N, C-alpha and C. Protein backbone atom coordinates (compact mmCIF):
# COMPACT_ATOMS: atom_id res chain seq x y z
N MET A 1 -47.56 30.38 -40.31
CA MET A 1 -46.36 29.91 -41.04
C MET A 1 -46.48 28.41 -41.33
N GLY A 2 -47.22 27.71 -40.49
CA GLY A 2 -47.37 26.26 -40.68
C GLY A 2 -48.07 25.95 -42.00
N VAL A 3 -49.15 26.72 -42.27
CA VAL A 3 -49.90 26.48 -43.50
C VAL A 3 -49.02 26.75 -44.72
N GLY A 4 -48.26 27.85 -44.67
CA GLY A 4 -47.38 28.19 -45.79
C GLY A 4 -46.36 27.09 -46.03
N SER A 5 -45.84 26.53 -44.94
CA SER A 5 -44.82 25.48 -45.07
C SER A 5 -45.44 24.25 -45.72
N GLN A 6 -46.65 23.88 -45.29
CA GLN A 6 -47.32 22.70 -45.85
C GLN A 6 -47.57 22.90 -47.34
N THR A 7 -47.99 24.11 -47.71
CA THR A 7 -48.27 24.40 -49.13
C THR A 7 -46.99 24.31 -49.95
N MET A 8 -45.90 24.87 -49.41
CA MET A 8 -44.62 24.85 -50.12
C MET A 8 -44.15 23.42 -50.33
N TRP A 9 -44.21 22.60 -49.25
CA TRP A 9 -43.76 21.22 -49.36
C TRP A 9 -44.64 20.44 -50.33
N SER A 10 -45.96 20.73 -50.33
CA SER A 10 -46.88 20.03 -51.24
C SER A 10 -46.50 20.31 -52.69
N ILE A 11 -46.19 21.59 -52.98
CA ILE A 11 -45.81 21.97 -54.33
C ILE A 11 -44.49 21.30 -54.72
N LEU A 12 -43.54 21.27 -53.80
CA LEU A 12 -42.24 20.65 -54.09
C LEU A 12 -42.42 19.17 -54.37
N LEU A 13 -43.28 18.50 -53.60
CA LEU A 13 -43.52 17.07 -53.81
C LEU A 13 -44.16 16.84 -55.17
N LEU A 14 -45.12 17.70 -55.54
CA LEU A 14 -45.79 17.56 -56.84
C LEU A 14 -44.79 17.73 -57.97
N LEU A 15 -43.91 18.74 -57.85
CA LEU A 15 -42.90 18.98 -58.89
C LEU A 15 -41.97 17.79 -58.99
N SER A 16 -41.60 17.21 -57.85
CA SER A 16 -40.69 16.06 -57.85
C SER A 16 -41.33 14.89 -58.59
N CYS A 17 -42.63 14.66 -58.33
CA CYS A 17 -43.32 13.56 -59.00
C CYS A 17 -43.39 13.80 -60.50
N ILE A 18 -43.65 15.05 -60.89
CA ILE A 18 -43.77 15.39 -62.32
C ILE A 18 -42.43 15.19 -63.03
N PHE A 19 -41.35 15.70 -62.44
CA PHE A 19 -40.04 15.60 -63.08
C PHE A 19 -39.52 14.16 -63.07
N SER A 20 -39.88 13.38 -62.05
CA SER A 20 -39.40 12.01 -61.97
C SER A 20 -40.19 11.10 -62.91
N ALA A 21 -41.40 11.51 -63.25
CA ALA A 21 -42.25 10.67 -64.11
C ALA A 21 -41.68 10.58 -65.53
């Protein structure tokens, strides 16, 4: 579950950077 959580958070961070740019 740890790996899945890290992947989910990584995707959310990437989306945040894209939308904020």
